[in-house]
């Protein structure tokens, strides 16, 4: 009976592989979570901008008796502000007594 059996020693890299895989999996999940939160935030920003524009248009109509002629008019007189690098706002008026058509488009990062 041999008490001493020669075992081949594992290399340090082989010992570290499971730890490396676990670390990479956790990092991947972390970055996916951040991406998910970021897209949710942009969606809420867009909804907030839609509400702000609608409120500003309605307020202008209530105060002045006509809808604003342009988006710049809302910015100057009703304090509308938004990040123009994130969103493009298409503001189309048909007449002073018809609700303007507003389209908000997210810009690419």
Protein backbone atom coordinates (compact mmCIF):
# COMPACT_ATOMS: atom_id res chain seq x y z
CA UNK A 1 0.00 0.00 0.00
CA UNK A 2 1.31 3.35 -0.99
CA UNK A 3 0.71 6.06 1.54
CA UNK A 4 2.12 8.71 -0.63
CA UNK A 5 0.34 9.19 -3.87
CA UNK A 6 1.71 11.73 -6.26
CA UNK A 7 -0.99 14.17 -7.34
CA UNK A 8 -0.49 16.51 -10.18
CA UNK A 9 -0.66 20.10 -8.91
CA UNK A 10 -3.21 22.41 -10.53
CA UNK A 11 -1.91 25.54 -12.07
CA UNK A 12 -2.87 28.86 -10.40
CA UNK A 13 -4.91 29.81 -13.47
CA UNK A 14 -7.04 26.67 -13.19
CA UNK A 15 -7.77 27.49 -9.56
CA UNK A 16 -8.82 31.05 -10.45
CA UNK A 17 -11.12 30.22 -13.41
CA UNK A 18 -14.31 29.70 -11.37
CA UNK A 19 -13.75 33.02 -9.58
CA UNK A 20 -13.15 34.81 -12.87
CA UNK A 21 -16.37 33.39 -14.36
CA UNK A 22 -18.40 34.40 -11.29
CA UNK A 23 -16.92 37.91 -11.40
CA UNK A 24 -17.71 38.30 -15.12
CA UNK A 25 -21.28 37.05 -14.60
CA UNK A 26 -21.86 39.55 -11.77
CA UNK A 27 -20.36 42.38 -13.84
CA UNK A 28 -22.61 41.49 -16.79
CA UNK A 29 -25.72 41.50 -14.59
CA UNK A 30 -24.67 44.83 -13.07
CA UNK A 31 -24.28 46.50 -16.48
CA UNK A 32 -27.60 45.08 -17.70
CA UNK A 33 -29.28 46.52 -14.60
CA UNK A 34 -27.77 49.95 -15.21
CA UNK A 35 -28.92 49.85 -18.84
CA UNK A 36 -32.44 48.92 -17.78
CA UNK A 37 -32.60 51.77 -15.26
CA UNK A 38 -31.26 54.21 -17.86
CA UNK A 39 -33.90 53.30 -20.45
CA UNK A 40 -36.63 53.57 -17.80
CA UNK A 41 -35.40 57.01 -16.85
CA UNK A 42 -35.50 58.24 -20.45
CA UNK A 43 -39.04 56.94 -20.81
CA UNK A 44 -40.10 58.88 -17.70
CA UNK A 45 -38.31 61.99 -18.98
CA UNK A 46 -40.25 61.76 -22.25
CA UNK A 47 -43.56 61.38 -20.40
CA UNK A 48 -42.69 64.35 -18.20
CA UNK A 49 -41.85 66.46 -21.27
CA UNK A 50 -45.16 65.50 -22.90
CA UNK A 51 -47.03 66.58 -19.76
CA UNK A 52 -45.09 69.85 -19.49
CA UNK A 53 -45.77 70.78 -23.12
CA UNK A 54 -49.47 69.94 -22.79
CA UNK A 55 -49.75 72.00 -19.59
CA UNK A 56 -47.93 74.94 -21.18
CA UNK A 57 -50.14 74.86 -24.28
CA UNK A 58 -53.30 74.65 -22.18
CA UNK A 59 -52.15 77.43 -19.85
CA UNK A 60 -51.33 79.68 -22.80
CA UNK A 61 -54.78 79.06 -24.32
CA UNK A 62 -56.49 79.78 -20.98
CA UNK A 63 -54.58 83.03 -20.44
CA UNK A 64 -54.36 84.43 -23.97
CA UNK A 65 -57.35 82.84 -25.72
CA UNK A 66 -55.26 81.29 -28.49
CA UNK A 67 -52.77 78.48 -28.80
CA UNK A 68 -49.07 79.41 -29.00
CA UNK A 69 -47.72 79.87 -32.51
CA UNK A 70 -44.43 78.10 -31.84
CA UNK A 71 -42.51 76.06 -29.33
CA UNK A 72 -40.11 78.99 -28.87
CA UNK A 73 -43.04 81.10 -27.67
CA UNK A 74 -43.67 78.54 -24.91
CA UNK A 75 -39.99 78.56 -23.99
CA UNK A 76 -39.80 82.35 -23.77
CA UNK A 77 -43.13 83.15 -22.12
CA UNK A 78 -44.11 80.05 -20.15
CA UNK A 79 -40.76 78.73 -18.94
CA UNK A 80 -40.74 75.49 -20.89
CA UNK A 81 -37.29 73.88 -20.75
CA UNK A 82 -36.02 70.48 -21.84
CA UNK A 83 -32.80 68.82 -22.95
CA UNK A 84 -32.67 69.37 -26.70
CA UNK A 85 -29.81 66.88 -26.99
CA UNK A 86 -32.10 64.08 -25.75
CA UNK A 87 -35.37 64.98 -27.45
CA UNK A 88 -36.56 66.50 -30.71
CA UNK A 89 -39.96 68.21 -30.47
CA UNK A 90 -41.96 68.69 -33.67
CA UNK A 91 -44.54 71.42 -33.07
CA UNK A 92 -47.07 71.95 -35.87
CA UNK A 93 -49.80 74.60 -35.65
CA UNK A 94 -52.86 74.63 -37.87
CA UNK A 95 -54.56 77.72 -36.50
CA UNK A 96 -54.74 79.86 -33.39
CA UNK A 97 -57.89 78.12 -32.14
CA UNK A 98 -56.91 74.51 -33.00
CA UNK A 99 -54.75 72.43 -30.66
CA UNK A 100 -51.22 72.13 -32.11
CA UNK A 101 -49.85 68.73 -33.09
CA UNK A 102 -46.84 67.89 -30.91
CA UNK A 103 -44.53 64.93 -31.58
CA UNK A 104 -41.61 64.09 -29.29
CA UNK A 105 -38.80 61.93 -30.67
CA UNK A 106 -35.92 60.56 -28.63
CA UNK A 107 -32.52 61.30 -30.12
CA UNK A 108 -29.84 58.63 -30.21
CA UNK A 109 -27.10 58.88 -27.60
